[in-house]
Amino acid sequence: MECPYILDKVKRNKRLPAVLNRDEIIKILDQIKNNKHYCMIGLMYAGGLRVSEVVKLRIQDLLPEQLQLYVRRSKGHKDRISLLSDKLLSGLDHIIKNRAGKELLFLTQQNKKYTVRTIQAIFEKAMKKSGIQKKATCHTLRHSFATHLIESGTNVKAVKNLLGHKSVKTTMVYIHLADTFTKDIVSPL
């Protein structure tokens, strides 16, 4: 039986993603006392990484001399280069001491690969301890990374490449989140 109606495609609501400010991110990181956990959460923000990318990082993917990370086989099976914060270097040095380059960067106490869910739980615990009331997930760190780069004047195309987006249109949402265009504007009323 043929349907007598023609149905249009349903458009999803386009909501702006949540973003944490720099002080909130520092407050969250301050709640994490375990060096390995601190570095995992720190890399998500400092490099705009997805949780799935953090669990796949290998020691050889760290490029400390250039303050860069090599992200392999991310979403869409693409490789990219992202940023590495010098504030994480000493903690990362402690983690990789006496280990080979092809090994996973982050291993559990049982020398197993971390799960995405475990890292999410680490973030959720730190969020709760921080007392921050915003709804935020690990992916919020990626949104915050992009927004803060744009606020500091980084070119949108450069942010697109750091995030590994296929189209600059995807990255443009962060312009709407950035304070750069609204902080000096006052309502005419």
N, C-alpha and C. Protein backbone atom coordinates (compact mmCIF):
# COMPACT_ATOMS: atom_id res chain seq x y z
N MET A 1 0.85 -1.18 0.00
CA MET A 1 0.00 0.00 0.00
C MET A 1 0.89 1.24 0.00
N GLU A 2 0.54 2.18 -0.83
CA GLU A 2 1.32 3.40 -0.97
C GLU A 2 0.87 4.44 0.05
N CYS A 3 1.84 5.16 0.59
CA CYS A 3 1.53 6.21 1.56
C CYS A 3 0.99 7.45 0.83
N PRO A 4 -0.16 7.95 1.23
CA PRO A 4 -0.73 9.11 0.54
C PRO A 4 -0.06 10.44 0.91
N TYR A 5 0.85 10.39 1.86
CA TYR A 5 1.49 11.63 2.32
C TYR A 5 2.95 11.67 1.89
N ILE A 6 3.44 12.85 1.62
CA ILE A 6 4.87 13.03 1.35
C ILE A 6 5.47 13.64 2.61
N LEU A 7 6.40 12.93 3.18
CA LEU A 7 7.00 13.40 4.42
C LEU A 7 8.32 14.11 4.13
N ASP A 8 8.46 15.30 4.67
CA ASP A 8 9.71 16.03 4.54
C ASP A 8 10.72 15.48 5.55
N LYS A 9 11.98 15.71 5.24
CA LYS A 9 13.02 15.33 6.20
C LYS A 9 12.84 16.15 7.47
N VAL A 10 12.99 15.51 8.59
CA VAL A 10 12.88 16.21 9.86
C VAL A 10 14.26 16.77 10.21
N LYS A 11 14.31 18.08 10.44
CA LYS A 11 15.58 18.70 10.81
C LYS A 11 15.77 18.59 12.31
N ARG A 12 16.99 18.24 12.67
CA ARG A 12 17.30 18.19 14.10
C ARG A 12 17.45 19.61 14.63
N ASN A 13 17.09 19.77 15.91
CA ASN A 13 17.33 21.08 16.54
C ASN A 13 18.83 21.31 16.60
N LYS A 14 19.25 22.49 16.25
CA LYS A 14 20.67 22.81 16.30
C LYS A 14 20.94 23.59 17.58
N ARG A 15 21.38 22.88 18.58
CA ARG A 15 21.71 23.50 19.85
C ARG A 15 23.20 23.80 19.89
N LEU A 16 23.53 24.90 20.53
CA LEU A 16 24.94 25.20 20.72
C LEU A 16 25.49 24.28 21.80
N PRO A 17 26.69 23.76 21.61
CA PRO A 17 27.26 22.86 22.63
C PRO A 17 27.67 23.62 23.88
N ALA A 18 27.70 22.91 25.00
CA ALA A 18 28.14 23.50 26.27
C ALA A 18 29.64 23.78 26.21
N VAL A 19 30.05 24.82 26.89
CA VAL A 19 31.47 25.18 26.96
C VAL A 19 31.80 25.55 28.40
N LEU A 20 32.95 25.09 28.86
CA LEU A 20 33.46 25.48 30.18
C LEU A 20 34.46 26.61 29.98
N ASN A 21 34.49 27.57 30.91
CA ASN A 21 35.49 28.61 30.80
C ASN A 21 36.81 28.09 31.38
N ARG A 22 37.88 28.84 31.18
CA ARG A 22 39.21 28.38 31.60
C ARG A 22 39.29 28.12 33.10
N ASP A 23 38.67 28.98 33.89
CA ASP A 23 38.69 28.80 35.35
C ASP A 23 37.98 27.51 35.76
N GLU A 24 36.89 27.19 35.09
CA GLU A 24 36.16 25.96 35.40
C GLU A 24 37.00 24.73 35.04
N ILE A 25 37.71 24.80 33.94
CA ILE A 25 38.55 23.67 33.54
C ILE A 25 39.68 23.47 34.54
N ILE A 26 40.29 24.55 34.98
CA ILE A 26 41.35 24.45 35.99
C ILE A 26 40.78 23.88 37.29
N LYS A 27 39.59 24.32 37.66
CA LYS A 27 38.94 23.82 38.88
C LYS A 27 38.69 22.31 38.79
N ILE A 28 38.28 21.84 37.63
CA ILE A 28 38.05 20.40 37.41
C ILE A 28 39.38 19.65 37.49
N LEU A 29 40.38 20.14 36.78
CA LEU A 29 41.70 19.48 36.79
C LEU A 29 42.30 19.45 38.19
N ASP A 30 42.06 20.48 38.98
CA ASP A 30 42.58 20.53 40.36
C ASP A 30 41.99 19.43 41.24
N GLN A 31 40.86 18.87 40.85
CA GLN A 31 40.23 17.80 41.63
C GLN A 31 40.86 16.44 41.36
N ILE A 32 41.67 16.33 40.32
CA ILE A 32 42.24 15.05 39.89
C ILE A 32 43.64 14.92 40.46
N LYS A 33 43.81 14.01 41.40
CA LYS A 33 45.10 13.84 42.09
C LYS A 33 45.99 12.78 41.43
N ASN A 34 45.41 11.85 40.71
CA ASN A 34 46.16 10.81 40.02
C ASN A 34 46.79 11.41 38.76
N ASN A 35 48.12 11.34 38.64
CA ASN A 35 48.84 11.95 37.52
C ASN A 35 48.36 11.44 36.16
N LYS A 36 48.15 10.13 36.05
CA LYS A 36 47.71 9.55 34.77
C LYS A 36 46.34 10.09 34.38
N HIS A 37 45.44 10.14 35.35
CA HIS A 37 44.09 10.63 35.10
C HIS A 37 44.12 12.12 34.74
N TYR A 38 44.96 12.86 35.44
CA TYR A 38 45.13 14.29 35.16
C TYR A 38 45.60 14.50 33.72
N CYS A 39 46.57 13.71 33.29
CA CYS A 39 47.10 13.84 31.93
C CYS A 39 46.06 13.47 30.88
N MET A 40 45.25 12.45 31.15
CA MET A 40 44.21 12.05 30.19
C MET A 40 43.20 13.18 29.99
N ILE A 41 42.70 13.72 31.09
CA ILE A 41 41.71 14.79 31.02
C ILE A 41 42.37 16.06 30.46
N GLY A 42 43.60 16.32 30.88
CA GLY A 42 44.34 17.48 30.39
C GLY A 42 44.56 17.43 28.89
N LEU A 43 44.87 16.26 28.34
CA LEU A 43 45.08 16.12 26.90
C LEU A 43 43.80 16.35 26.10
N MET A 44 42.67 15.95 26.68
CA MET A 44 41.40 16.18 25.98
C MET A 44 41.17 17.67 25.78
N TYR A 45 41.47 18.46 26.82
CA TYR A 45 41.28 19.90 26.69
C TYR A 45 42.42 20.54 25.90
N ALA A 46 43.66 20.22 26.24
CA ALA A 46 44.82 20.89 25.63
C ALA A 46 44.97 20.59 24.14
N GLY A 47 44.45 19.43 23.70
CA GLY A 47 44.58 19.06 22.29
C GLY A 47 43.27 18.91 21.56
N GLY A 48 42.15 19.15 22.27
CA GLY A 48 40.85 19.01 21.63
C GLY A 48 40.55 17.58 21.23
N LEU A 49 41.02 16.63 22.05
CA LEU A 49 40.86 15.22 21.71
C LEU A 49 39.52 14.65 22.15
N ARG A 50 39.05 13.68 21.41
CA ARG A 50 37.89 12.89 21.80
C ARG A 50 38.40 11.83 22.80
N VAL A 51 37.49 11.32 23.63
CA VAL A 51 37.86 10.28 24.59
C VAL A 51 38.42 9.06 23.85
N SER A 52 37.79 8.70 22.74
CA SER A 52 38.24 7.53 21.97
C SER A 52 39.66 7.72 21.44
N GLU A 53 40.05 8.95 21.21
CA GLU A 53 41.41 9.23 20.73
C GLU A 53 42.43 9.12 21.86
N VAL A 54 42.04 9.50 23.05
CA VAL A 54 42.94 9.42 24.21
C VAL A 54 43.29 7.96 24.51
N VAL A 55 42.30 7.07 24.46
CA VAL A 55 42.58 5.66 24.80
C VAL A 55 43.47 4.99 23.75
N LYS A 56 43.52 5.54 22.52
CA LYS A 56 44.34 4.95 21.45
C LYS A 56 45.73 5.57 21.33
N LEU A 57 46.01 6.64 22.08
CA LEU A 57 47.32 7.29 21.96
C LEU A 57 48.45 6.34 22.33
N ARG A 58 49.51 6.41 21.57
CA ARG A 58 50.71 5.63 21.85
C ARG A 58 51.83 6.60 22.23
N ILE A 59 52.82 6.09 22.92
CA ILE A 59 53.94 6.92 23.35
C ILE A 59 54.56 7.64 22.17
N GLN A 60 54.71 6.95 21.05
CA GLN A 60 55.33 7.55 19.86
C GLN A 60 54.50 8.68 19.26
N ASP A 61 53.24 8.82 19.68
CA ASP A 61 52.38 9.89 19.17
C ASP A 61 52.66 11.24 19.83
N LEU A 62 53.41 11.22 20.91
CA LEU A 62 53.79 12.47 21.58
C LEU A 62 54.98 13.07 20.84
N LEU A 63 54.87 14.33 20.51
CA LEU A 63 55.97 15.06 19.87
C LEU A 63 56.31 16.25 20.77
N PRO A 64 56.97 15.98 21.91
CA PRO A 64 57.18 17.03 22.91
C PRO A 64 58.04 18.19 22.44
N GLU A 65 59.00 17.93 21.55
CA GLU A 65 59.86 19.02 21.06
C GLU A 65 59.05 20.06 20.30
N GLN A 66 58.04 19.62 19.58
CA GLN A 66 57.19 20.53 18.80
C GLN A 66 55.91 20.93 19.55
N LEU A 67 55.74 20.38 20.76
CA LEU A 67 54.50 20.55 21.54
C LEU A 67 53.28 20.17 20.70
N GLN A 68 53.39 18.96 20.11
CA GLN A 68 52.32 18.45 19.26
C GLN A 68 52.02 16.99 19.59
N LEU A 69 50.84 16.57 19.18
CA LEU A 69 50.37 15.19 19.30
C LEU A 69 50.00 14.69 17.91
N TYR A 70 50.32 13.46 17.63
CA TYR A 70 49.90 12.84 16.38
C TYR A 70 48.69 11.98 16.71
N VAL A 71 47.54 12.35 16.17
CA VAL A 71 46.30 11.61 16.42
C VAL A 71 46.05 10.71 15.23
N ARG A 72 46.11 9.40 15.47
CA ARG A 72 45.98 8.41 14.38
C ARG A 72 44.56 7.84 14.33
N ARG A 73 44.11 7.60 13.11
CA ARG A 73 42.83 6.92 12.88
C ARG A 73 41.71 7.45 13.77
N SER A 74 41.51 8.76 13.71
CA SER A 74 40.41 9.33 14.48
C SER A 74 39.11 9.15 13.70
N LYS A 75 38.11 9.90 14.04
CA LYS A 75 36.82 9.79 13.36
C LYS A 75 37.01 9.97 11.86
N GLY A 76 36.40 9.12 11.08
CA GLY A 76 36.57 9.15 9.63
C GLY A 76 37.88 8.54 9.18
N HIS A 77 38.55 7.84 10.08
CA HIS A 77 39.82 7.15 9.82
C HIS A 77 40.92 8.10 9.33
N LYS A 78 40.87 9.36 9.82
CA LYS A 78 41.86 10.35 9.42
C LYS A 78 42.91 10.52 10.50
N ASP A 79 44.11 10.87 10.07
CA ASP A 79 45.18 11.24 10.99
C ASP A 79 45.25 12.76 11.03
N ARG A 80 45.71 13.29 12.15
CA ARG A 80 45.90 14.74 12.25
C ARG A 80 46.94 15.05 13.32
N ILE A 81 47.40 16.27 13.29
CA ILE A 81 48.31 16.77 14.31
C ILE A 81 47.51 17.73 15.18
N SER A 82 47.69 17.62 16.50
CA SER A 82 47.05 18.57 17.40
C SER A 82 48.09 19.10 18.37
N LEU A 83 47.62 19.84 19.35
CA LEU A 83 48.51 20.54 20.28
C LEU A 83 48.78 19.72 21.53
N LEU A 84 49.97 19.92 22.09
CA LEU A 84 50.39 19.31 23.35
C LEU A 84 50.82 20.44 24.26
N SER A 85 50.25 20.52 25.43
CA SER A 85 50.58 21.60 26.37
C SER A 85 51.88 21.29 27.11
N ASP A 86 52.73 22.29 27.22
CA ASP A 86 53.98 22.11 27.98
C ASP A 86 53.70 21.87 29.46
N LYS A 87 52.50 22.22 29.94
CA LYS A 87 52.13 22.00 31.34
C LYS A 87 51.91 20.52 31.65
N LEU A 88 51.75 19.72 30.61
CA LEU A 88 51.53 18.28 30.81
C LEU A 88 52.82 17.46 30.64
N LEU A 89 53.87 18.08 30.16
CA LEU A 89 55.09 17.34 29.80
C LEU A 89 55.72 16.57 30.97
N SER A 90 55.84 17.19 32.13
CA SER A 90 56.49 16.48 33.24
C SER A 90 55.65 15.30 33.70
N GLY A 91 54.33 15.46 33.73
CA GLY A 91 53.45 14.35 34.09
C GLY A 91 53.51 13.22 33.07
N LEU A 92 53.58 13.59 31.80
CA LEU A 92 53.69 12.58 30.74
C LEU A 92 55.04 11.88 30.78
N ASP A 93 56.11 12.64 31.07
CA ASP A 93 57.44 12.03 31.20
C ASP A 93 57.44 10.94 32.27
N HIS A 94 56.75 11.21 33.37
CA HIS A 94 56.66 10.23 34.46
C HIS A 94 55.93 8.96 34.00
N ILE A 95 54.92 9.12 33.16
CA ILE A 95 54.12 7.99 32.66
C ILE A 95 54.93 7.13 31.68
N ILE A 96 55.72 7.76 30.81
CA ILE A 96 56.40 7.02 29.74
C ILE A 96 57.81 6.56 30.11
N LYS A 97 58.24 6.89 31.29
CA LYS A 97 59.60 6.52 31.74
C LYS A 97 59.85 5.01 31.56
N ASN A 98 60.93 4.68 30.87
CA ASN A 98 61.36 3.29 30.64
C ASN A 98 60.34 2.45 29.86
N ARG A 99 59.58 3.07 28.97
CA ARG A 99 58.60 2.34 28.17
C ARG A 99 58.88 2.54 26.69
N ALA A 100 58.45 1.60 25.87
CA ALA A 100 58.71 1.63 24.42
C ALA A 100 57.67 2.48 23.69
N GLY A 101 58.06 3.03 22.55
CA GLY A 101 57.25 3.95 21.78
C GLY A 101 55.96 3.40 21.21
N LYS A 102 55.90 2.11 20.91
CA LYS A 102 54.69 1.55 20.30
C LYS A 102 53.62 1.20 21.33
N GLU A 103 53.98 1.24 22.60
CA GLU A 103 53.02 0.92 23.67
C GLU A 103 51.96 2.01 23.76
N LEU A 104 50.77 1.60 24.23
CA LEU A 104 49.74 2.59 24.52
C LEU A 104 50.26 3.54 25.59
N LEU A 105 49.93 4.80 25.46
CA LEU A 105 50.39 5.81 26.42
C LEU A 105 49.78 5.56 27.79
N PHE A 106 48.49 5.30 27.82
CA PHE A 106 47.79 5.12 29.09
C PHE A 106 47.37 3.66 29.27
N LEU A 107 47.92 3.04 30.31
CA LEU A 107 47.57 1.67 30.66
C LEU A 107 47.05 1.64 32.09
N THR A 108 46.10 0.74 32.34
CA THR A 108 45.57 0.58 33.69
C THR A 108 46.63 -0.08 34.57
N GLN A 109 46.32 -0.24 35.84
CA GLN A 109 47.25 -0.91 36.77
C GLN A 109 47.49 -2.37 36.36
N GLN A 110 46.55 -2.93 35.61
CA GLN A 110 46.70 -4.31 35.12
C GLN A 110 47.33 -4.34 33.73
N ASN A 111 47.92 -3.22 33.31
CA ASN A 111 48.55 -3.09 31.98
C ASN A 111 47.58 -3.37 30.84
N LYS A 112 46.34 -2.94 31.01
CA LYS A 112 45.32 -3.07 29.97
C LYS A 112 44.97 -1.68 29.44
N LYS A 113 44.34 -1.66 28.28
CA LYS A 113 43.88 -0.41 27.66
C LYS A 113 42.73 0.17 28.49
N TYR A 114 42.76 1.47 28.70
CA TYR A 114 41.64 2.13 29.37
C TYR A 114 40.41 2.07 28.47
N THR A 115 39.24 2.03 29.09
CA THR A 115 38.00 2.09 28.32
C THR A 115 37.53 3.55 28.28
N VAL A 116 36.76 3.87 27.28
CA VAL A 116 36.17 5.21 27.16
C VAL A 116 35.35 5.50 28.41
N ARG A 117 34.59 4.51 28.85
CA ARG A 117 33.72 4.71 30.00
C ARG A 117 34.50 5.03 31.27
N THR A 118 35.66 4.43 31.46
CA THR A 118 36.47 4.70 32.65
C THR A 118 36.92 6.15 32.65
N ILE A 119 37.36 6.65 31.51
CA ILE A 119 37.81 8.04 31.43
C ILE A 119 36.63 8.99 31.65
N GLN A 120 35.47 8.63 31.11
CA GLN A 120 34.28 9.45 31.34
C GLN A 120 33.95 9.50 32.83
N ALA A 121 34.09 8.38 33.51
CA ALA A 121 33.81 8.32 34.95
C ALA A 121 34.80 9.19 35.74
N ILE A 122 36.06 9.20 35.31
CA ILE A 122 37.07 10.06 35.95
C ILE A 122 36.67 11.52 35.82
N PHE A 123 36.23 11.90 34.62
CA PHE A 123 35.80 13.29 34.39
C PHE A 123 34.56 13.61 35.23
N GLU A 124 33.59 12.71 35.23
CA GLU A 124 32.35 12.95 35.97
C GLU A 124 32.63 13.13 37.46
N LYS A 125 33.53 12.33 38.00
CA LYS A 125 33.90 12.43 39.42
C LYS A 125 34.55 13.79 39.71
N ALA A 126 35.45 14.21 38.83
CA ALA A 126 36.12 15.51 39.01
C ALA A 126 35.12 16.66 38.89
N MET A 127 34.18 16.53 37.95
CA MET A 127 33.14 17.55 37.79
C MET A 127 32.32 17.68 39.07
N LYS A 128 31.93 16.56 39.61
CA LYS A 128 31.10 16.56 40.82
C LYS A 128 31.87 17.18 41.98
N LYS A 129 33.13 16.80 42.15
CA LYS A 129 33.96 17.33 43.23
C LYS A 129 34.21 18.83 43.07
N SER A 130 34.23 19.32 41.83
CA SER A 130 34.51 20.74 41.58
C SER A 130 33.35 21.64 41.99
N GLY A 131 32.14 21.06 42.04
CA GLY A 131 30.97 21.84 42.40
C GLY A 131 30.39 22.66 41.25
N ILE A 132 30.93 22.49 40.07
CA ILE A 132 30.42 23.21 38.90
C ILE A 132 29.06 22.63 38.53
N GLN A 133 28.09 23.51 38.34
CA GLN A 133 26.71 23.07 38.10
C GLN A 133 26.35 22.88 36.64
N LYS A 134 27.21 23.29 35.73
CA LYS A 134 26.92 23.13 34.30
C LYS A 134 26.85 21.66 33.94
N LYS A 135 26.07 21.35 32.90
CA LYS A 135 26.08 20.00 32.35
C LYS A 135 27.27 19.91 31.42
N ALA A 136 28.19 19.02 31.72
CA ALA A 136 29.40 18.91 30.89
C ALA A 136 29.82 17.45 30.84
N THR A 137 30.41 17.09 29.70
CA THR A 137 30.95 15.74 29.50
C THR A 137 32.39 15.89 29.03
N CYS A 138 33.04 14.78 28.81
CA CYS A 138 34.39 14.82 28.26
C CYS A 138 34.42 15.59 26.95
N HIS A 139 33.39 15.45 26.14
CA HIS A 139 33.35 16.12 24.84
C HIS A 139 33.25 17.65 25.00
N THR A 140 32.75 18.09 26.15
CA THR A 140 32.69 19.53 26.43
C THR A 140 34.10 20.12 26.44
N LEU A 141 35.09 19.33 26.83
CA LEU A 141 36.48 19.80 26.82
C LEU A 141 36.93 20.11 25.40
N ARG A 142 36.50 19.31 24.45
CA ARG A 142 36.82 19.53 23.04
C ARG A 142 36.16 20.82 22.54
N HIS A 143 34.89 21.01 22.90
CA HIS A 143 34.20 22.25 22.54
C HIS A 143 34.89 23.46 23.16
N SER A 144 35.31 23.31 24.41
CA SER A 144 35.97 24.41 25.12
C SER A 144 37.31 24.74 24.47
N PHE A 145 38.06 23.71 24.10
CA PHE A 145 39.35 23.89 23.39
C PHE A 145 39.16 24.76 22.15
N ALA A 146 38.21 24.39 21.32
CA ALA A 146 37.97 25.12 20.06
C ALA A 146 37.50 26.54 20.33
N THR A 147 36.59 26.70 21.27
CA THR A 147 36.06 28.03 21.59
C THR A 147 37.16 28.94 22.13
N HIS A 148 38.00 28.42 23.02
CA HIS A 148 39.06 29.23 23.61
C HIS A 148 40.12 29.61 22.57
N LEU A 149 40.39 28.71 21.62
CA LEU A 149 41.33 29.05 20.55
C LEU A 149 40.79 30.20 19.70
N ILE A 150 39.51 30.14 19.36
CA ILE A 150 38.91 31.20 18.55
C ILE A 150 38.88 32.51 19.33
N GLU A 151 38.57 32.43 20.63
CA GLU A 151 38.58 33.63 21.46
C GLU A 151 39.96 34.28 21.51
N SER A 152 40.99 33.45 21.44
CA SER A 152 42.36 34.00 21.50
C SER A 152 42.87 34.43 20.13
N GLY A 153 42.02 34.35 19.11
CA GLY A 153 42.38 34.87 17.80
C GLY A 153 42.89 33.86 16.80
N THR A 154 42.81 32.57 17.12
CA THR A 154 43.26 31.53 16.19
C THR A 154 42.33 31.47 14.98
N ASN A 155 42.91 31.34 13.82
CA ASN A 155 42.18 31.25 12.55
C ASN A 155 41.25 30.03 12.58
N VAL A 156 40.02 30.21 12.08
CA VAL A 156 39.03 29.13 12.07
C VAL A 156 39.53 27.91 11.29
N LYS A 157 40.24 28.14 10.19
CA LYS A 157 40.76 27.02 9.39
C LYS A 157 41.80 26.23 10.18
N ALA A 158 42.60 26.91 10.99
CA ALA A 158 43.58 26.22 11.83
C ALA A 158 42.86 25.37 12.88
N VAL A 159 41.81 25.92 13.47
CA VAL A 159 41.02 25.17 14.46
C VAL A 159 40.38 23.95 13.80
N LYS A 160 39.87 24.14 12.59
CA LYS A 160 39.28 23.03 11.81
C LYS A 160 40.28 21.89 11.68
N ASN A 161 41.51 22.22 11.32
CA ASN A 161 42.55 21.19 11.14
C ASN A 161 42.92 20.52 12.46
N LEU A 162 43.01 21.30 13.53
CA LEU A 162 43.34 20.73 14.84
C LEU A 162 42.25 19.76 15.32
N LEU A 163 41.00 20.08 15.01
CA LEU A 163 39.89 19.22 15.41
C LEU A 163 39.69 18.04 14.47
N GLY A 164 40.23 18.14 13.25
CA GLY A 164 40.05 17.08 12.27
C GLY A 164 38.71 17.13 11.57
N HIS A 165 38.08 18.29 11.53
CA HIS A 165 36.80 18.43 10.85
C HIS A 165 37.00 18.37 9.34
N LYS A 166 36.04 17.79 8.65
CA LYS A 166 36.08 17.70 7.19
C LYS A 166 35.77 19.05 6.56
N SER A 167 34.82 19.78 7.16
CA SER A 167 34.37 21.05 6.61
C SER A 167 34.52 22.17 7.64
N VAL A 168 34.86 23.34 7.17
CA VAL A 168 34.97 24.50 8.06
C VAL A 168 33.60 24.88 8.62
N LYS A 169 32.53 24.48 7.94
CA LYS A 169 31.16 24.75 8.43
C LYS A 169 30.95 24.13 9.80
N THR A 170 31.50 22.96 10.01
CA THR A 170 31.38 22.28 11.30
C THR A 170 32.07 23.08 12.39
N THR A 171 33.17 23.69 12.07
CA THR A 171 33.97 24.45 13.03
C THR A 171 33.35 25.81 13.33
N MET A 172 32.57 26.33 12.40
CA MET A 172 32.00 27.67 12.54
C MET A 172 31.11 27.83 13.78
N VAL A 173 30.57 26.74 14.30
CA VAL A 173 29.71 26.83 15.49
C VAL A 173 30.47 27.46 16.66
N TYR A 174 31.78 27.28 16.70
CA TYR A 174 32.56 27.80 17.82
C TYR A 174 32.69 29.31 17.78
N ILE A 175 32.47 29.90 16.62
CA ILE A 175 32.47 31.36 16.54
C ILE A 175 31.28 31.90 17.33
N HIS A 176 30.15 31.20 17.27
CA HIS A 176 28.96 31.62 18.00
C HIS A 176 29.14 31.47 19.51
N LEU A 177 30.02 30.57 19.93
CA LEU A 177 30.24 30.35 21.34
C LEU A 177 31.29 31.29 21.93
N ALA A 178 32.15 31.80 21.08
CA ALA A 178 33.26 32.63 21.54
C ALA A 178 32.76 33.99 22.05
N ASP A 179 33.42 34.49 23.08
CA ASP A 179 33.09 35.78 23.66
C ASP A 179 33.59 36.96 22.81
N THR A 180 34.44 36.70 21.84
CA THR A 180 35.11 37.78 21.12
C THR A 180 34.14 38.75 20.45
N PHE A 181 32.99 38.26 20.01
CA PHE A 181 32.08 39.13 19.27
C PHE A 181 31.01 39.76 20.15
N THR A 182 30.82 39.27 21.34
CA THR A 182 29.73 39.80 22.16
C THR A 182 30.19 40.51 23.42
N LYS A 183 31.42 40.33 23.85
CA LYS A 183 31.81 40.89 25.16
C LYS A 183 31.84 42.41 25.18
N ASP A 184 32.08 43.07 24.05
CA ASP A 184 32.14 44.53 24.02
C ASP A 184 30.85 45.16 23.52
N ILE A 185 29.84 44.36 23.23
CA ILE A 185 28.59 44.87 22.71
C ILE A 185 27.61 45.06 23.87
N VAL A 186 26.99 46.22 23.89
CA VAL A 186 26.04 46.54 24.95
C VAL A 186 24.67 46.72 24.32
N SER A 187 23.65 46.24 25.00
CA SER A 187 22.29 46.39 24.49
C SER A 187 21.95 47.87 24.33
N PRO A 188 21.21 48.23 23.28
CA PRO A 188 20.86 49.63 23.09
C PRO A 188 19.81 50.14 24.07
N LEU A 189 19.19 49.25 24.82
CA LEU A 189 18.13 49.66 25.76
C LEU A 189 18.71 50.17 27.06
